[in-house]
Amino acid sequence: MPSIVIYTTRFCPYCVAAKRLLQKKGAEFEEIAVDSRPDLRAKMTKKSGATSVPQIWIDEYHVGGCDELYGLDSQGKLDQLLEGN
């Protein structure tokens, strides 16, 4: 399995939905909560160019947010990424 990192906040419904999809796929991920952590949010923003959460990476590939994750799934590309292809 590839390395998956997801930046989240506690009360974000999109974060919950993204994590739920990854869990459904059996994917393990590192969650980095940026609640009350401006240093971590700044790091996420610099790395992604976005201020919204979630921000998701699969290995070095920046997926983007929840909509992009579900878009990859509907195209059949998420399973390929999760298999490391």
N, C-alpha and C. Protein backbone atom coordinates (compact mmCIF):
# COMPACT_ATOMS: atom_id res chain seq x y z
N MET A 1 0.84 -1.19 0.00
CA MET A 1 0.00 0.00 0.00
C MET A 1 0.87 1.24 0.00
N PRO A 2 0.45 2.24 -0.70
CA PRO A 2 1.20 3.50 -0.71
C PRO A 2 1.01 4.26 0.60
N SER A 3 1.83 5.26 0.78
CA SER A 3 1.72 6.15 1.92
C SER A 3 0.62 7.17 1.63
N ILE A 4 -0.32 7.32 2.56
CA ILE A 4 -1.42 8.26 2.38
C ILE A 4 -1.41 9.24 3.55
N VAL A 5 -1.47 10.53 3.22
CA VAL A 5 -1.53 11.58 4.23
C VAL A 5 -2.75 12.42 3.94
N ILE A 6 -3.53 12.70 4.99
CA ILE A 6 -4.72 13.53 4.84
C ILE A 6 -4.73 14.59 5.95
N TYR A 7 -4.74 15.84 5.53
CA TYR A 7 -4.85 16.97 6.47
C TYR A 7 -6.34 17.22 6.69
N THR A 8 -6.73 17.34 7.97
CA THR A 8 -8.14 17.45 8.31
C THR A 8 -8.38 18.48 9.41
N THR A 9 -9.66 18.76 9.63
CA THR A 9 -10.10 19.43 10.85
C THR A 9 -11.21 18.57 11.46
N ARG A 10 -11.43 18.77 12.72
CA ARG A 10 -12.32 17.90 13.49
C ARG A 10 -13.76 17.90 13.01
N PHE A 11 -14.31 19.05 12.66
CA PHE A 11 -15.73 19.13 12.35
C PHE A 11 -16.03 19.29 10.86
N CYS A 12 -15.12 18.90 10.02
CA CYS A 12 -15.27 19.04 8.57
C CYS A 12 -15.97 17.81 8.00
N PRO A 13 -17.20 17.98 7.45
CA PRO A 13 -17.90 16.82 6.89
C PRO A 13 -17.19 16.22 5.68
N TYR A 14 -16.46 17.04 4.93
CA TYR A 14 -15.73 16.53 3.78
C TYR A 14 -14.55 15.67 4.22
N CYS A 15 -13.94 16.04 5.34
CA CYS A 15 -12.85 15.24 5.90
C CYS A 15 -13.38 13.88 6.33
N VAL A 16 -14.53 13.88 6.99
CA VAL A 16 -15.15 12.63 7.43
C VAL A 16 -15.47 11.75 6.23
N ALA A 17 -16.03 12.33 5.18
CA ALA A 17 -16.39 11.56 3.99
C ALA A 17 -15.15 10.99 3.30
N ALA A 18 -14.09 11.78 3.21
CA ALA A 18 -12.86 11.30 2.57
C ALA A 18 -12.25 10.16 3.38
N LYS A 19 -12.20 10.31 4.70
CA LYS A 19 -11.65 9.24 5.54
C LYS A 19 -12.51 7.98 5.44
N ARG A 20 -13.81 8.16 5.39
CA ARG A 20 -14.73 7.02 5.28
C ARG A 20 -14.47 6.24 3.99
N LEU A 21 -14.27 6.95 2.88
CA LEU A 21 -13.99 6.27 1.61
C LEU A 21 -12.67 5.51 1.69
N LEU A 22 -11.65 6.15 2.23
CA LEU A 22 -10.35 5.47 2.34
C LEU A 22 -10.46 4.24 3.25
N GLN A 23 -11.20 4.36 4.33
CA GLN A 23 -11.39 3.21 5.23
C GLN A 23 -12.16 2.10 4.54
N LYS A 24 -13.16 2.46 3.75
CA LYS A 24 -13.94 1.47 3.00
C LYS A 24 -13.04 0.70 2.03
N LYS A 25 -12.04 1.39 1.50
CA LYS A 25 -11.10 0.76 0.57
C LYS A 25 -10.03 -0.04 1.31
N GLY A 26 -10.04 0.02 2.64
CA GLY A 26 -9.04 -0.70 3.42
C GLY A 26 -7.69 -0.01 3.46
N ALA A 27 -7.67 1.26 3.14
CA ALA A 27 -6.42 2.02 3.08
C ALA A 27 -6.07 2.58 4.46
N GLU A 28 -4.84 2.42 4.84
CA GLU A 28 -4.36 3.05 6.06
C GLU A 28 -3.80 4.42 5.69
N PHE A 29 -4.00 5.39 6.58
CA PHE A 29 -3.54 6.74 6.28
C PHE A 29 -3.09 7.42 7.55
N GLU A 30 -2.24 8.43 7.34
CA GLU A 30 -1.82 9.29 8.43
C GLU A 30 -2.70 10.53 8.38
N GLU A 31 -3.37 10.82 9.49
CA GLU A 31 -4.21 12.00 9.57
C GLU A 31 -3.47 13.08 10.33
N ILE A 32 -3.41 14.26 9.73
CA ILE A 32 -2.79 15.41 10.38
C ILE A 32 -3.87 16.45 10.61
N ALA A 33 -4.27 16.61 11.86
CA ALA A 33 -5.32 17.57 12.21
C ALA A 33 -4.72 18.96 12.33
N VAL A 34 -5.31 19.91 11.63
CA VAL A 34 -4.79 21.27 11.65
C VAL A 34 -5.63 22.20 12.52
N ASP A 35 -6.57 21.63 13.29
CA ASP A 35 -7.36 22.42 14.23
C ASP A 35 -6.42 23.15 15.18
N SER A 36 -6.59 24.42 15.34
CA SER A 36 -5.79 25.21 16.29
C SER A 36 -4.30 25.02 16.11
N ARG A 37 -3.88 24.68 14.90
CA ARG A 37 -2.45 24.49 14.60
C ARG A 37 -2.09 25.29 13.35
N PRO A 38 -1.95 26.61 13.49
CA PRO A 38 -1.64 27.43 12.32
C PRO A 38 -0.33 27.01 11.64
N ASP A 39 0.60 26.45 12.41
CA ASP A 39 1.85 26.00 11.81
C ASP A 39 1.63 24.84 10.84
N LEU A 40 0.77 23.89 11.24
CA LEU A 40 0.48 22.75 10.36
C LEU A 40 -0.38 23.17 9.17
N ARG A 41 -1.33 24.09 9.41
CA ARG A 41 -2.15 24.57 8.29
C ARG A 41 -1.28 25.32 7.29
N ALA A 42 -0.33 26.10 7.78
CA ALA A 42 0.58 26.82 6.88
C ALA A 42 1.42 25.84 6.07
N LYS A 43 1.89 24.78 6.70
CA LYS A 43 2.66 23.75 5.99
C LYS A 43 1.80 23.09 4.91
N MET A 44 0.55 22.76 5.25
CA MET A 44 -0.37 22.17 4.29
C MET A 44 -0.62 23.11 3.12
N THR A 45 -0.84 24.39 3.43
CA THR A 45 -1.13 25.38 2.39
C THR A 45 0.07 25.56 1.47
N LYS A 46 1.26 25.61 2.04
CA LYS A 46 2.46 25.76 1.22
C LYS A 46 2.66 24.54 0.31
N LYS A 47 2.41 23.38 0.86
CA LYS A 47 2.61 22.13 0.12
C LYS A 47 1.56 21.94 -0.97
N SER A 48 0.30 22.34 -0.69
CA SER A 48 -0.80 22.06 -1.62
C SER A 48 -1.21 23.25 -2.47
N GLY A 49 -0.97 24.46 -1.95
CA GLY A 49 -1.47 25.65 -2.63
C GLY A 49 -2.93 25.91 -2.31
N ALA A 50 -3.49 25.14 -1.38
CA ALA A 50 -4.90 25.28 -1.01
C ALA A 50 -5.02 25.48 0.50
N THR A 51 -6.06 26.20 0.91
CA THR A 51 -6.28 26.43 2.34
C THR A 51 -7.39 25.57 2.90
N SER A 52 -8.15 24.91 2.03
CA SER A 52 -9.29 24.11 2.48
C SER A 52 -8.86 22.70 2.86
N VAL A 53 -9.66 22.08 3.71
CA VAL A 53 -9.43 20.69 4.09
C VAL A 53 -10.61 19.86 3.60
N PRO A 54 -10.39 18.59 3.35
CA PRO A 54 -9.13 17.88 3.48
C PRO A 54 -8.20 18.15 2.31
N GLN A 55 -6.94 17.91 2.55
CA GLN A 55 -5.93 17.87 1.49
C GLN A 55 -5.29 16.49 1.60
N ILE A 56 -5.26 15.78 0.48
CA ILE A 56 -4.88 14.37 0.49
C ILE A 56 -3.73 14.12 -0.47
N TRP A 57 -2.77 13.33 0.01
CA TRP A 57 -1.66 12.86 -0.82
C TRP A 57 -1.62 11.34 -0.78
N ILE A 58 -1.43 10.75 -1.93
CA ILE A 58 -1.15 9.31 -2.02
C ILE A 58 0.25 9.22 -2.60
N ASP A 59 1.18 8.75 -1.76
CA ASP A 59 2.61 8.85 -2.06
C ASP A 59 2.90 10.32 -2.37
N GLU A 60 3.49 10.60 -3.50
CA GLU A 60 3.82 11.99 -3.85
C GLU A 60 2.71 12.68 -4.66
N TYR A 61 1.66 11.94 -4.99
CA TYR A 61 0.57 12.48 -5.81
C TYR A 61 -0.41 13.27 -4.93
N HIS A 62 -0.57 14.55 -5.23
CA HIS A 62 -1.54 15.39 -4.51
C HIS A 62 -2.91 15.19 -5.13
N VAL A 63 -3.77 14.50 -4.42
CA VAL A 63 -5.12 14.24 -4.89
C VAL A 63 -5.94 15.52 -4.89
N GLY A 64 -5.80 16.30 -3.84
CA GLY A 64 -6.62 17.48 -3.63
C GLY A 64 -7.55 17.21 -2.46
N GLY A 65 -8.84 17.53 -2.64
CA GLY A 65 -9.80 17.39 -1.56
C GLY A 65 -10.73 16.20 -1.74
N CYS A 66 -11.82 16.25 -1.02
CA CYS A 66 -12.80 15.17 -1.00
C CYS A 66 -13.42 14.95 -2.39
N ASP A 67 -13.80 16.02 -3.05
CA ASP A 67 -14.42 15.87 -4.38
C ASP A 67 -13.48 15.19 -5.36
N GLU A 68 -12.21 15.57 -5.31
CA GLU A 68 -11.24 14.96 -6.22
C GLU A 68 -11.02 13.47 -5.88
N LEU A 69 -11.03 13.15 -4.58
CA LEU A 69 -10.88 11.76 -4.16
C LEU A 69 -12.04 10.92 -4.68
N TYR A 70 -13.26 11.40 -4.51
CA TYR A 70 -14.43 10.68 -5.00
C TYR A 70 -14.44 10.63 -6.52
N GLY A 71 -13.94 11.68 -7.17
CA GLY A 71 -13.83 11.68 -8.63
C GLY A 71 -12.90 10.59 -9.12
N LEU A 72 -11.76 10.44 -8.45
CA LEU A 72 -10.83 9.36 -8.81
C LEU A 72 -11.49 8.00 -8.63
N ASP A 73 -12.28 7.87 -7.56
CA ASP A 73 -12.95 6.60 -7.30
C ASP A 73 -13.97 6.30 -8.39
N SER A 74 -14.75 7.30 -8.80
CA SER A 74 -15.77 7.06 -9.82
C SER A 74 -15.16 6.75 -11.18
N GLN A 75 -13.92 7.19 -11.40
CA GLN A 75 -13.21 6.89 -12.66
C GLN A 75 -12.43 5.58 -12.59
N GLY A 76 -12.45 4.94 -11.43
CA GLY A 76 -11.71 3.69 -11.27
C GLY A 76 -10.22 3.89 -11.04
N LYS A 77 -9.80 5.14 -10.86
CA LYS A 77 -8.37 5.42 -10.71
C LYS A 77 -7.89 5.35 -9.27
N LEU A 78 -8.79 5.48 -8.31
CA LEU A 78 -8.38 5.44 -6.91
C LEU A 78 -7.83 4.07 -6.54
N ASP A 79 -8.49 3.02 -6.97
CA ASP A 79 -8.00 1.67 -6.67
C ASP A 79 -6.60 1.46 -7.23
N GLN A 80 -6.34 1.99 -8.43
CA GLN A 80 -5.00 1.87 -9.02
C GLN A 80 -3.97 2.57 -8.17
N LEU A 81 -4.30 3.78 -7.70
CA LEU A 81 -3.37 4.52 -6.84
C LEU A 81 -3.12 3.78 -5.53
N LEU A 82 -4.17 3.21 -4.98
CA LEU A 82 -4.05 2.51 -3.70
C LEU A 82 -3.28 1.21 -3.84
N GLU A 83 -3.25 0.67 -5.05
CA GLU A 83 -2.47 -0.55 -5.30
C GLU A 83 -1.02 -0.21 -5.63
N GLY A 84 -0.74 1.08 -5.78
CA GLY A 84 0.62 1.51 -6.08
C GLY A 84 0.93 1.51 -7.56
N ASN A 85 -0.10 1.54 -8.40
CA ASN A 85 0.11 1.57 -9.86
C ASN A 85 -0.03 2.95 -10.42
